Amino acid sequence: MIRYSPLPENIEKLLTGAFEYLRADKDVLFAYLFGSFARKKTGPLSDVDIAVYFGDVPSFSEKRLEILGGLTSILKTDEIDLVVLNRAPLTLKMKILERKKVIVDKAPLLRHGYESLTMRQYFDFSYKESFILRKRFLHG
């Protein structure tokens, strides 16, 4: 959701440059566009939601800041949510997978494995979570 200022009017055109920037980075193995831009339902409160999966990097947080800086320059906005999939919580990973658009895919087998594992982990988790919550509500 927008925090500081509206997105540039030519944001759709700028996104193409952002995708090229991510494809050119050797550490980005795959990336998704998610949120309102992936659903093609942007509005005045929209921001740009991007999720990336890094290969071997010394520091995920430093690499995230580097990528975020590049995207901010290209997109001419600070209204960017950048998620590092290597470190994201399971529920967020699943929300991203539910409504994603693949924008970088340098390692398709790795990406498919990641998606499959994430979905299996999530469904195992959600089943256990439902059982625990049901038990808690029934027995106080």
Protein backbone atom coordinates (compact mmCIF):
# COMPACT_ATOMS: atom_id res chain seq x y z
CA MET A 1 0.00 0.00 0.00
CA ILE A 2 1.18 3.48 -0.82
CA ARG A 3 2.95 5.29 2.00
CA TYR A 4 4.59 8.41 0.65
CA SER A 5 3.61 9.43 -2.87
CA PRO A 6 1.70 8.19 -5.90
CA LEU A 7 3.47 6.00 -8.44
CA PRO A 8 4.80 7.60 -11.64
CA GLU A 9 2.23 7.72 -14.45
CA ASN A 10 4.51 5.65 -16.70
CA ILE A 11 5.08 2.92 -14.09
CA GLU A 12 4.05 0.12 -16.49
CA LYS A 13 6.81 1.15 -18.90
CA LEU A 14 9.32 1.52 -16.04
CA LEU A 15 8.51 -2.01 -14.82
CA THR A 16 10.02 -3.42 -18.00
CA GLY A 17 13.35 -1.83 -17.06
CA ALA A 18 13.03 -3.16 -13.51
CA PHE A 19 12.50 -6.69 -14.80
CA GLU A 20 15.57 -6.38 -17.04
CA TYR A 21 17.59 -5.13 -14.05
CA LEU A 22 16.58 -8.20 -12.03
CA ARG A 23 17.34 -10.55 -14.94
CA ALA A 24 20.81 -9.02 -15.29
CA ASP A 25 21.69 -9.57 -11.62
CA LYS A 26 23.62 -12.84 -11.33
CA ASP A 27 22.38 -13.46 -7.78
CA VAL A 28 18.66 -13.35 -8.63
CA LEU A 29 17.72 -16.90 -9.65
CA PHE A 30 14.00 -16.26 -9.98
CA ALA A 31 11.58 -13.47 -9.17
CA TYR A 32 7.87 -12.81 -9.09
CA LEU A 33 5.67 -9.80 -9.47
CA PHE A 34 2.73 -10.14 -7.08
CA GLY A 35 0.02 -7.98 -5.61
CA SER A 36 -2.05 -5.47 -7.55
CA PHE A 37 0.28 -5.26 -10.56
CA ALA A 38 0.28 -9.05 -11.03
CA ARG A 39 -3.53 -9.07 -10.78
CA LYS A 40 -3.75 -6.05 -13.11
CA LYS A 41 -5.91 -4.27 -10.54
CA THR A 42 -3.89 -1.19 -9.70
CA GLY A 43 -5.36 1.84 -8.04
CA PRO A 44 -4.29 5.08 -6.39
CA LEU A 45 -3.02 3.20 -3.31
CA SER A 46 -1.03 0.57 -5.23
CA ASP A 47 2.64 -0.11 -4.71
CA VAL A 48 5.00 -2.45 -6.57
CA ASP A 49 5.36 -5.89 -4.96
CA ILE A 50 8.33 -8.00 -6.05
CA ALA A 51 9.66 -11.24 -4.56
CA VAL A 52 13.17 -12.51 -5.33
CA TYR A 53 15.03 -15.74 -4.65
CA PHE A 54 18.80 -15.35 -4.34
CA GLY A 55 21.53 -17.88 -4.99
CA ASP A 56 24.54 -17.97 -2.68
CA VAL A 57 25.05 -14.47 -1.34
CA PRO A 58 27.08 -13.50 1.74
CA SER A 59 24.24 -11.41 3.19
CA PHE A 60 20.59 -11.52 2.19
CA SER A 61 19.90 -8.18 3.86
CA GLU A 62 22.75 -6.38 2.07
CA LYS A 63 21.75 -7.88 -1.28
CA ARG A 64 18.12 -6.88 -0.63
CA LEU A 65 19.19 -3.28 0.00
CA GLU A 66 21.30 -3.28 -3.17
CA ILE A 67 18.40 -4.57 -5.28
CA LEU A 68 15.93 -2.21 -3.60
CA GLY A 69 18.21 0.74 -4.39
CA GLY A 70 18.40 -0.26 -8.04
CA LEU A 71 14.65 -0.75 -8.31
CA THR A 72 13.98 2.59 -6.63
CA SER A 73 16.18 4.35 -9.19
CA ILE A 74 14.60 2.57 -12.16
CA LEU A 75 10.99 2.87 -11.02
CA LYS A 76 11.43 6.44 -9.72
CA THR A 77 9.51 5.63 -6.54
CA ASP A 78 10.03 4.38 -3.00
CA GLU A 79 6.70 2.54 -3.14
CA ILE A 80 8.29 -0.89 -3.54
CA ASP A 81 7.85 -3.94 -1.33
CA LEU A 82 10.74 -6.32 -1.96
CA VAL A 83 10.45 -9.77 -0.38
CA VAL A 84 13.44 -12.13 -0.16
CA LEU A 85 11.89 -15.56 -0.59
CA ASN A 86 14.92 -17.29 0.95
CA ARG A 87 13.95 -15.75 4.32
CA ALA A 88 10.21 -15.07 4.03
CA PRO A 89 7.66 -16.61 6.41
CA LEU A 90 5.75 -19.59 5.05
CA THR A 91 2.36 -17.87 4.98
CA LEU A 92 3.77 -14.93 2.98
CA LYS A 93 5.48 -17.30 0.54
CA MET A 94 2.16 -19.02 -0.10
CA LYS A 95 0.28 -15.74 -0.57
CA ILE A 96 2.88 -14.75 -3.16
CA LEU A 97 2.59 -18.09 -4.98
CA GLU A 98 -1.20 -17.81 -5.12
CA ARG A 99 -1.07 -14.66 -7.25
CA LYS A 100 2.29 -14.43 -8.93
CA LYS A 101 3.67 -13.52 -12.30
CA VAL A 102 7.12 -14.98 -13.03
CA ILE A 103 9.44 -12.16 -14.14
CA VAL A 104 12.85 -13.87 -13.80
CA ASP A 105 13.40 -17.60 -14.28
CA LYS A 106 17.09 -18.49 -14.59
CA ALA A 107 16.66 -21.78 -12.71
CA PRO A 108 13.29 -23.29 -13.69
CA LEU A 109 13.90 -26.62 -11.93
CA LEU A 110 14.86 -24.84 -8.73
CA ARG A 111 11.80 -22.59 -9.01
CA HIS A 112 9.45 -25.53 -9.56
CA GLY A 113 11.00 -27.36 -6.62
CA TYR A 114 10.68 -24.26 -4.45
CA GLU A 115 7.02 -23.82 -5.39
CA SER A 116 6.23 -27.49 -4.77
CA LEU A 117 8.01 -27.60 -1.41
CA THR A 118 6.43 -24.34 -0.26
CA MET A 119 2.93 -25.55 -1.14
CA ARG A 120 3.44 -28.90 0.60
CA GLN A 121 4.83 -27.22 3.72
CA TYR A 122 1.97 -24.73 3.73
CA PHE A 123 -0.75 -27.35 3.38
CA ASP A 124 0.83 -29.43 6.18
CA PHE A 125 1.02 -26.30 8.33
CA SER A 126 -2.52 -25.13 7.57
CA TYR A 127 -3.97 -28.55 8.44
CA LYS A 128 -2.17 -28.57 11.81
CA GLU A 129 -3.08 -24.93 12.43
CA SER A 130 -6.77 -25.62 11.77
CA PHE A 131 -6.70 -28.61 14.12
CA ILE A 132 -5.04 -26.61 16.91
CA LEU A 133 -7.37 -23.63 16.52
CA ARG A 134 -10.47 -25.83 16.40
CA LYS A 135 -9.33 -27.63 19.56
CA ARG A 136 -8.57 -24.34 21.30
CA PHE A 137 -11.95 -22.81 20.45
CA LEU A 138 -13.88 -25.93 21.43
CA HIS A 139 -12.13 -26.44 24.77
CA GLY A 140 -11.24 -22.86 25.65
